[in-house]
């Protein structure tokens, strides 16, 4: 995970979301699985990643890329919990 969030903040999010608990209702789990970046965001992330690889990011772009990485990490936690919740409920993922 990027350090867009500090290590302590990341640990707090990890404990709060608790992706290993799988205790969401099927409806909530399905709603979390629908969360996604827009096409515009995907294009922006691709461009920022290209610039980062070439070392051409300015400070604002670096912060924006860190923000995308942080949100992606949080979405990953939520979706992991959602998939586990559906598995435990006998639903499909």
N, C-alpha and C. Protein backbone atom coordinates (compact mmCIF):
# COMPACT_ATOMS: atom_id res chain seq x y z
N UNK A 1 0.84 -1.18 0.00
CA UNK A 1 0.00 0.00 0.00
C UNK A 1 0.87 1.23 0.00
N UNK A 2 0.44 2.24 -0.70
CA UNK A 2 1.14 3.51 -0.71
C UNK A 2 1.04 4.14 0.67
N UNK A 3 1.93 5.05 0.93
CA UNK A 3 1.87 5.72 2.22
C UNK A 3 0.98 6.96 2.16
N UNK A 4 -0.02 6.95 1.24
CA UNK A 4 -0.99 8.04 1.23
C UNK A 4 -1.66 8.10 2.60
N UNK A 5 -1.82 6.95 3.17
CA UNK A 5 -2.27 6.86 4.55
C UNK A 5 -1.06 6.38 5.33
N UNK A 6 -0.91 6.90 6.51
CA UNK A 6 0.23 6.48 7.33
C UNK A 6 0.07 5.01 7.71
N UNK A 7 1.16 4.39 8.09
CA UNK A 7 1.10 2.99 8.52
C UNK A 7 0.10 2.81 9.66
N UNK A 8 0.09 3.68 10.68
CA UNK A 8 -0.93 3.51 11.73
C UNK A 8 -2.35 3.63 11.19
N UNK A 9 -2.57 4.56 10.27
CA UNK A 9 -3.91 4.72 9.69
C UNK A 9 -4.30 3.47 8.91
N UNK A 10 -3.37 2.92 8.16
CA UNK A 10 -3.65 1.69 7.41
C UNK A 10 -4.02 0.55 8.35
N UNK A 11 -3.31 0.44 9.45
CA UNK A 11 -3.61 -0.61 10.42
C UNK A 11 -4.99 -0.41 11.04
N UNK A 12 -5.36 0.83 11.29
CA UNK A 12 -6.69 1.13 11.84
C UNK A 12 -7.76 0.71 10.85
N UNK A 13 -7.57 1.08 9.57
CA UNK A 13 -8.54 0.68 8.54
C UNK A 13 -8.64 -0.84 8.46
N UNK A 14 -7.50 -1.52 8.50
CA UNK A 14 -7.49 -2.98 8.43
C UNK A 14 -8.31 -3.58 9.57
N UNK A 15 -8.11 -3.07 10.77
CA UNK A 15 -8.86 -3.59 11.93
C UNK A 15 -10.35 -3.22 11.83
N UNK A 16 -10.65 -2.03 11.35
CA UNK A 16 -12.03 -1.56 11.27
C UNK A 16 -12.83 -2.36 10.24
N UNK A 17 -12.25 -2.53 9.06
CA UNK A 17 -12.96 -3.27 8.01
C UNK A 17 -12.94 -4.77 8.28
N UNK A 18 -11.86 -5.26 8.87
CA UNK A 18 -11.72 -6.67 9.25
C UNK A 18 -12.14 -7.58 8.10
N UNK A 19 -11.37 -7.57 7.01
CA UNK A 19 -11.78 -8.31 5.82
C UNK A 19 -11.88 -9.81 6.01
N UNK A 20 -11.29 -10.35 7.05
CA UNK A 20 -11.35 -11.80 7.29
C UNK A 20 -12.60 -12.24 8.03
N UNK A 21 -13.42 -11.29 8.48
CA UNK A 21 -14.59 -11.68 9.28
C UNK A 21 -15.74 -12.18 8.42
N UNK A 22 -15.90 -11.68 7.21
CA UNK A 22 -16.98 -12.16 6.35
C UNK A 22 -18.35 -12.09 6.97
N UNK A 23 -18.66 -10.98 7.62
CA UNK A 23 -19.92 -10.88 8.35
C UNK A 23 -20.91 -9.88 7.75
N UNK A 24 -20.78 -9.57 6.49
CA UNK A 24 -21.73 -8.67 5.83
C UNK A 24 -22.97 -9.44 5.38
N UNK A 25 -24.08 -8.76 5.32
CA UNK A 25 -25.27 -9.37 4.74
C UNK A 25 -25.00 -9.57 3.24
N UNK A 26 -25.67 -10.51 2.60
CA UNK A 26 -25.48 -10.68 1.16
C UNK A 26 -25.77 -9.41 0.36
N UNK A 27 -26.76 -8.66 0.78
CA UNK A 27 -27.11 -7.42 0.08
C UNK A 27 -25.97 -6.40 0.18
N UNK A 28 -25.43 -6.26 1.38
CA UNK A 28 -24.32 -5.32 1.58
C UNK A 28 -23.09 -5.79 0.80
N UNK A 29 -22.83 -7.09 0.83
CA UNK A 29 -21.68 -7.63 0.12
C UNK A 29 -21.79 -7.35 -1.37
N UNK A 30 -22.94 -7.59 -1.95
CA UNK A 30 -23.14 -7.33 -3.38
C UNK A 30 -22.97 -5.84 -3.69
N UNK A 31 -23.42 -4.99 -2.80
CA UNK A 31 -23.27 -3.55 -3.02
C UNK A 31 -21.80 -3.16 -3.02
N UNK A 32 -21.02 -3.69 -2.08
CA UNK A 32 -19.59 -3.38 -2.04
C UNK A 32 -18.88 -3.89 -3.29
N UNK A 33 -19.30 -5.06 -3.79
CA UNK A 33 -18.64 -5.61 -4.98
C UNK A 33 -18.92 -4.78 -6.24
N UNK A 34 -19.95 -3.96 -6.20
CA UNK A 34 -20.25 -3.08 -7.35
C UNK A 34 -19.41 -1.81 -7.36
N UNK A 35 -18.77 -1.49 -6.24
CA UNK A 35 -17.96 -0.28 -6.19
C UNK A 35 -16.77 -0.42 -7.13
N UNK A 36 -16.54 0.62 -7.93
CA UNK A 36 -15.44 0.56 -8.90
C UNK A 36 -15.05 1.96 -9.33
N UNK A 37 -13.82 2.08 -9.79
CA UNK A 37 -13.36 3.34 -10.37
C UNK A 37 -14.06 3.55 -11.71
N UNK A 38 -14.25 4.80 -12.06
CA UNK A 38 -14.83 5.13 -13.36
C UNK A 38 -13.78 4.95 -14.46
N UNK A 39 -14.22 4.92 -15.70
CA UNK A 39 -13.29 4.84 -16.84
C UNK A 39 -12.34 6.05 -16.82
N UNK A 40 -12.89 7.20 -16.47
CA UNK A 40 -12.06 8.41 -16.39
C UNK A 40 -10.96 8.23 -15.35
N UNK A 41 -11.31 7.65 -14.21
CA UNK A 41 -10.30 7.40 -13.18
C UNK A 41 -9.25 6.39 -13.65
N UNK A 42 -9.69 5.35 -14.37
CA UNK A 42 -8.73 4.37 -14.90
C UNK A 42 -7.75 5.03 -15.86
N UNK A 43 -8.27 5.90 -16.72
CA UNK A 43 -7.38 6.61 -17.66
C UNK A 43 -6.40 7.50 -16.90
N UNK A 44 -6.89 8.20 -15.89
CA UNK A 44 -6.02 9.08 -15.09
C UNK A 44 -4.95 8.25 -14.37
N UNK A 45 -5.34 7.12 -13.79
CA UNK A 45 -4.37 6.27 -13.10
C UNK A 45 -3.31 5.74 -14.06
N UNK A 46 -3.75 5.33 -15.26
CA UNK A 46 -2.80 4.83 -16.26
C UNK A 46 -1.79 5.92 -16.63
N UNK A 47 -2.27 7.12 -16.85
CA UNK A 47 -1.39 8.22 -17.21
C UNK A 47 -0.43 8.55 -16.06
N UNK A 48 -0.95 8.61 -14.86
CA UNK A 48 -0.09 8.89 -13.70
C UNK A 48 0.95 7.79 -13.51
N UNK A 49 0.56 6.54 -13.72
CA UNK A 49 1.51 5.44 -13.59
C UNK A 49 2.62 5.54 -14.64
N UNK A 50 2.25 5.89 -15.87
CA UNK A 50 3.27 6.07 -16.92
C UNK A 50 4.24 7.18 -16.54
N UNK A 51 3.68 8.29 -16.06
CA UNK A 51 4.54 9.40 -15.67
C UNK A 51 5.44 9.02 -14.49
N UNK A 52 4.90 8.25 -13.56
CA UNK A 52 5.69 7.83 -12.40
C UNK A 52 6.84 6.93 -12.83
N UNK A 53 6.58 6.03 -13.76
CA UNK A 53 7.62 5.13 -14.25
C UNK A 53 8.75 5.89 -14.94
N UNK A 54 8.41 6.99 -15.57
CA UNK A 54 9.45 7.77 -16.25
C UNK A 54 10.04 8.85 -15.35
N UNK A 55 9.55 8.94 -14.11
CA UNK A 55 10.08 9.92 -13.17
C UNK A 55 9.61 11.34 -13.44
N UNK A 56 8.46 11.48 -14.11
CA UNK A 56 8.01 12.80 -14.52
C UNK A 56 6.82 13.34 -13.72
N UNK A 57 6.52 12.74 -12.57
CA UNK A 57 5.39 13.22 -11.76
C UNK A 57 5.78 14.47 -10.99
N UNK A 58 4.88 15.45 -10.99
CA UNK A 58 5.11 16.59 -10.10
C UNK A 58 4.48 16.26 -8.74
N UNK A 59 4.62 17.15 -7.79
CA UNK A 59 4.15 16.89 -6.43
C UNK A 59 2.65 16.65 -6.37
N UNK A 60 1.88 17.46 -7.08
CA UNK A 60 0.42 17.29 -7.08
C UNK A 60 0.02 15.95 -7.69
N UNK A 61 0.66 15.58 -8.78
CA UNK A 61 0.36 14.30 -9.42
C UNK A 61 0.75 13.13 -8.53
N UNK A 62 1.84 13.26 -7.83
CA UNK A 62 2.28 12.22 -6.91
C UNK A 62 1.25 12.02 -5.79
N UNK A 63 0.73 13.12 -5.27
CA UNK A 63 -0.31 13.03 -4.23
C UNK A 63 -1.58 12.39 -4.78
N UNK A 64 -1.93 12.75 -6.02
CA UNK A 64 -3.12 12.18 -6.64
C UNK A 64 -2.95 10.67 -6.85
N UNK A 65 -1.80 10.25 -7.32
CA UNK A 65 -1.53 8.83 -7.50
C UNK A 65 -1.58 8.10 -6.16
N UNK A 66 -1.02 8.69 -5.13
CA UNK A 66 -1.10 8.10 -3.79
C UNK A 66 -2.55 7.97 -3.34
N UNK A 67 -3.37 8.97 -3.65
CA UNK A 67 -4.79 8.91 -3.30
C UNK A 67 -5.49 7.76 -4.00
N UNK A 68 -5.21 7.59 -5.29
CA UNK A 68 -5.78 6.46 -6.02
C UNK A 68 -5.34 5.13 -5.41
N UNK A 69 -4.07 5.03 -5.07
CA UNK A 69 -3.56 3.79 -4.48
C UNK A 69 -4.24 3.50 -3.14
N UNK A 70 -4.44 4.54 -2.36
CA UNK A 70 -5.09 4.37 -1.05
C UNK A 70 -6.53 3.90 -1.22
N UNK A 71 -7.26 4.54 -2.12
CA UNK A 71 -8.65 4.15 -2.36
C UNK A 71 -8.71 2.72 -2.91
N UNK A 72 -7.80 2.37 -3.81
CA UNK A 72 -7.77 1.01 -4.36
C UNK A 72 -7.51 -0.01 -3.25
N UNK A 73 -6.62 0.32 -2.34
CA UNK A 73 -6.34 -0.57 -1.22
C UNK A 73 -7.57 -0.77 -0.35
N UNK A 74 -8.26 0.35 -0.04
CA UNK A 74 -9.48 0.25 0.76
C UNK A 74 -10.56 -0.55 0.05
N UNK A 75 -10.71 -0.31 -1.26
CA UNK A 75 -11.69 -1.09 -2.03
C UNK A 75 -11.33 -2.57 -1.99
N UNK A 76 -10.05 -2.87 -2.06
CA UNK A 76 -9.62 -4.26 -1.98
C UNK A 76 -10.02 -4.91 -0.67
N UNK A 77 -9.85 -4.18 0.43
CA UNK A 77 -10.27 -4.71 1.74
C UNK A 77 -11.77 -4.96 1.77
N UNK A 78 -12.53 -3.97 1.31
CA UNK A 78 -14.00 -4.10 1.33
C UNK A 78 -14.46 -5.25 0.45
N UNK A 79 -13.88 -5.37 -0.74
CA UNK A 79 -14.30 -6.43 -1.66
C UNK A 79 -13.88 -7.80 -1.16
N UNK A 80 -12.74 -7.87 -0.51
CA UNK A 80 -12.32 -9.14 0.08
C UNK A 80 -13.33 -9.59 1.13
N UNK A 81 -13.72 -8.67 1.97
CA UNK A 81 -14.71 -8.98 3.00
C UNK A 81 -16.04 -9.36 2.35
N UNK A 82 -16.42 -8.66 1.29
CA UNK A 82 -17.68 -8.95 0.61
C UNK A 82 -17.67 -10.34 -0.01
N UNK A 83 -16.57 -10.71 -0.68
CA UNK A 83 -16.50 -12.05 -1.28
C UNK A 83 -16.57 -13.13 -0.22
N UNK A 84 -15.84 -12.94 0.87
CA UNK A 84 -15.87 -13.92 1.96
C UNK A 84 -17.27 -14.01 2.57
N UNK A 85 -17.94 -12.88 2.72
CA UNK A 85 -19.29 -12.86 3.27
C UNK A 85 -20.24 -13.66 2.39
N UNK A 86 -20.13 -13.48 1.08
CA UNK A 86 -21.01 -14.22 0.17
C UNK A 86 -20.68 -15.71 0.19
N UNK A 87 -19.41 -16.05 0.26
CA UNK A 87 -19.03 -17.46 0.35
C UNK A 87 -19.65 -18.10 1.59
N UNK A 88 -19.54 -17.41 2.69
CA UNK A 88 -20.06 -17.96 3.95
C UNK A 88 -21.59 -18.03 3.95
N UNK A 89 -22.22 -17.14 3.20
CA UNK A 89 -23.68 -17.14 3.11
C UNK A 89 -24.18 -18.13 2.05
N UNK A 90 -23.23 -18.74 1.32
CA UNK A 90 -23.62 -19.69 0.30
C UNK A 90 -23.96 -19.05 -1.02
N UNK A 91 -23.65 -17.74 -1.16
CA UNK A 91 -23.91 -17.05 -2.42
C UNK A 91 -22.72 -17.16 -3.34
N UNK A 92 -22.86 -16.57 -4.51
CA UNK A 92 -21.74 -16.57 -5.46
C UNK A 92 -21.00 -15.26 -5.38
N UNK A 93 -19.75 -15.28 -5.82
CA UNK A 93 -18.94 -14.05 -5.79
C UNK A 93 -18.79 -13.46 -7.15
